[in-house]
Amino acid sequence: MDILYLLIPLSVVLVFVIGTVFWWAVHSGQFDDLEGPAHRVVMDDDRPHE
């Protein structure tokens, strides 16, 4: 029973940290272009670098 006094506040802090990181990622544009990087990987560019 004593472990609940540690686990409940710890879980609340962890949820707050995860929510803050997710909020930062959404507002900084991390999820703006989800398909662009996937298409850039498979694009074939045969031109030599100058």
N, C-alpha and C. Protein backbone atom coordinates (compact mmCIF):
# COMPACT_ATOMS: atom_id res chain seq x y z
N MET A 1 0.81 -1.19 0.00
CA MET A 1 0.00 0.00 0.00
C MET A 1 0.87 1.26 0.00
N ASP A 2 2.01 1.21 0.67
CA ASP A 2 2.88 2.39 0.71
C ASP A 2 3.46 2.72 -0.66
N ILE A 3 3.59 1.73 -1.52
CA ILE A 3 4.16 1.98 -2.85
C ILE A 3 3.25 2.87 -3.69
N LEU A 4 1.95 2.87 -3.41
CA LEU A 4 1.03 3.72 -4.15
C LEU A 4 1.32 5.19 -3.92
N TYR A 5 1.83 5.54 -2.75
CA TYR A 5 2.19 6.94 -2.47
C TYR A 5 3.35 7.40 -3.35
N LEU A 6 4.10 6.48 -3.89
CA LEU A 6 5.18 6.80 -4.81
C LEU A 6 4.72 6.67 -6.26
N LEU A 7 3.99 5.61 -6.58
CA LEU A 7 3.65 5.33 -7.97
C LEU A 7 2.62 6.29 -8.55
N ILE A 8 1.64 6.70 -7.76
CA ILE A 8 0.61 7.60 -8.30
C ILE A 8 1.19 8.97 -8.65
N PRO A 9 1.92 9.64 -7.78
CA PRO A 9 2.52 10.92 -8.21
C PRO A 9 3.54 10.76 -9.34
N LEU A 10 4.28 9.66 -9.32
CA LEU A 10 5.24 9.42 -10.39
C LEU A 10 4.54 9.25 -11.74
N SER A 11 3.43 8.55 -11.75
CA SER A 11 2.70 8.37 -13.00
C SER A 11 2.07 9.67 -13.47
N VAL A 12 1.61 10.49 -12.56
CA VAL A 12 1.05 11.80 -12.94
C VAL A 12 2.14 12.68 -13.54
N VAL A 13 3.31 12.68 -12.97
CA VAL A 13 4.43 13.45 -13.52
C VAL A 13 4.83 12.92 -14.89
N LEU A 14 4.85 11.62 -15.04
CA LEU A 14 5.22 11.01 -16.33
C LEU A 14 4.20 11.37 -17.41
N VAL A 15 2.92 11.34 -17.09
CA VAL A 15 1.89 11.73 -18.05
C VAL A 15 2.05 13.20 -18.42
N PHE A 16 2.36 14.05 -17.45
CA PHE A 16 2.56 15.47 -17.73
C PHE A 16 3.76 15.68 -18.66
N VAL A 17 4.85 14.96 -18.43
CA VAL A 17 6.05 15.09 -19.27
C VAL A 17 5.76 14.61 -20.69
N ILE A 18 5.08 13.47 -20.82
CA ILE A 18 4.75 12.95 -22.15
C ILE A 18 3.82 13.91 -22.88
N GLY A 19 2.84 14.45 -22.18
CA GLY A 19 1.93 15.43 -22.79
C GLY A 19 2.65 16.68 -23.23
N THR A 20 3.60 17.15 -22.43
CA THR A 20 4.36 18.34 -22.79
C THR A 20 5.22 18.10 -24.02
N VAL A 21 5.87 16.96 -24.09
CA VAL A 21 6.70 16.64 -25.26
C VAL A 21 5.83 16.50 -26.51
N PHE A 22 4.67 15.87 -26.39
CA PHE A 22 3.77 15.74 -27.54
C PHE A 22 3.26 17.11 -27.98
N TRP A 23 2.89 17.97 -27.03
CA TRP A 23 2.43 19.31 -27.37
C TRP A 23 3.51 20.10 -28.09
N TRP A 24 4.74 20.00 -27.60
CA TRP A 24 5.86 20.69 -28.25
C TRP A 24 6.06 20.18 -29.68
N ALA A 25 5.97 18.86 -29.87
CA ALA A 25 6.18 18.28 -31.20
C ALA A 25 5.10 18.73 -32.17
N VAL A 26 3.87 18.80 -31.71
CA VAL A 26 2.77 19.24 -32.59
C VAL A 26 2.94 20.70 -32.96
N HIS A 27 3.27 21.53 -32.01
CA HIS A 27 3.36 22.97 -32.27
C HIS A 27 4.66 23.39 -32.93
N SER A 28 5.66 22.53 -32.97
CA SER A 28 6.91 22.91 -33.64
C SER A 28 6.96 22.37 -35.07
N GLY A 29 5.90 21.70 -35.52
CA GLY A 29 5.82 21.28 -36.91
C GLY A 29 6.39 19.91 -37.19
N GLN A 30 6.54 19.08 -36.20
CA GLN A 30 7.10 17.75 -36.41
C GLN A 30 6.19 16.85 -37.24
N PHE A 31 4.87 17.11 -37.22
CA PHE A 31 3.92 16.25 -37.91
C PHE A 31 3.30 16.94 -39.12
N ASP A 32 3.93 17.98 -39.65
CA ASP A 32 3.36 18.71 -40.78
C ASP A 32 3.39 17.91 -42.07
N ASP A 33 4.50 17.29 -42.40
CA ASP A 33 4.64 16.56 -43.66
C ASP A 33 5.01 15.11 -43.35
N LEU A 34 4.00 14.24 -43.33
CA LEU A 34 4.25 12.85 -42.97
C LEU A 34 4.64 11.99 -44.17
N GLU A 35 4.28 12.41 -45.38
CA GLU A 35 4.56 11.59 -46.56
C GLU A 35 5.80 12.05 -47.33
N GLY A 36 6.22 13.28 -47.17
CA GLY A 36 7.35 13.81 -47.93
C GLY A 36 8.64 13.03 -47.72
N PRO A 37 9.08 12.79 -46.49
CA PRO A 37 10.32 12.05 -46.29
C PRO A 37 10.24 10.61 -46.83
N ALA A 38 9.08 9.99 -46.78
CA ALA A 38 8.95 8.63 -47.31
C ALA A 38 9.11 8.61 -48.82
N HIS A 39 8.61 9.64 -49.49
CA HIS A 39 8.75 9.70 -50.94
C HIS A 39 10.17 10.08 -51.35
N ARG A 40 10.82 10.91 -50.57
CA ARG A 40 12.19 11.31 -50.90
C ARG A 40 13.17 10.15 -50.82
N VAL A 41 12.90 9.18 -49.98
CA VAL A 41 13.80 8.03 -49.84
C VAL A 41 13.81 7.20 -51.11
N VAL A 42 12.66 7.03 -51.74
CA VAL A 42 12.58 6.15 -52.90
C VAL A 42 12.75 6.88 -54.23
N MET A 43 12.89 8.20 -54.21
CA MET A 43 13.09 8.93 -55.46
C MET A 43 14.46 8.60 -56.03
N ASP A 44 14.49 8.31 -57.32
CA ASP A 44 15.72 7.94 -58.00
C ASP A 44 16.32 9.17 -58.65
N ASP A 45 17.47 9.58 -58.17
CA ASP A 45 18.14 10.76 -58.70
C ASP A 45 19.49 10.31 -59.26
N ASP A 46 19.53 10.16 -60.59
CA ASP A 46 20.75 9.66 -61.24
C ASP A 46 21.71 10.75 -61.65
N ARG A 47 21.36 11.99 -61.41
CA ARG A 47 22.25 13.08 -61.80
C ARG A 47 23.49 13.09 -60.90
N PRO A 48 24.66 13.29 -61.47
CA PRO A 48 25.87 13.39 -60.63
C PRO A 48 25.87 14.68 -59.84
N HIS A 49 26.47 14.62 -58.68
CA HIS A 49 26.58 15.82 -57.84
C HIS A 49 27.64 16.74 -58.43
N GLU A 50 27.36 18.01 -58.43
CA GLU A 50 28.32 18.98 -58.99
C GLU A 50 29.19 19.56 -57.92
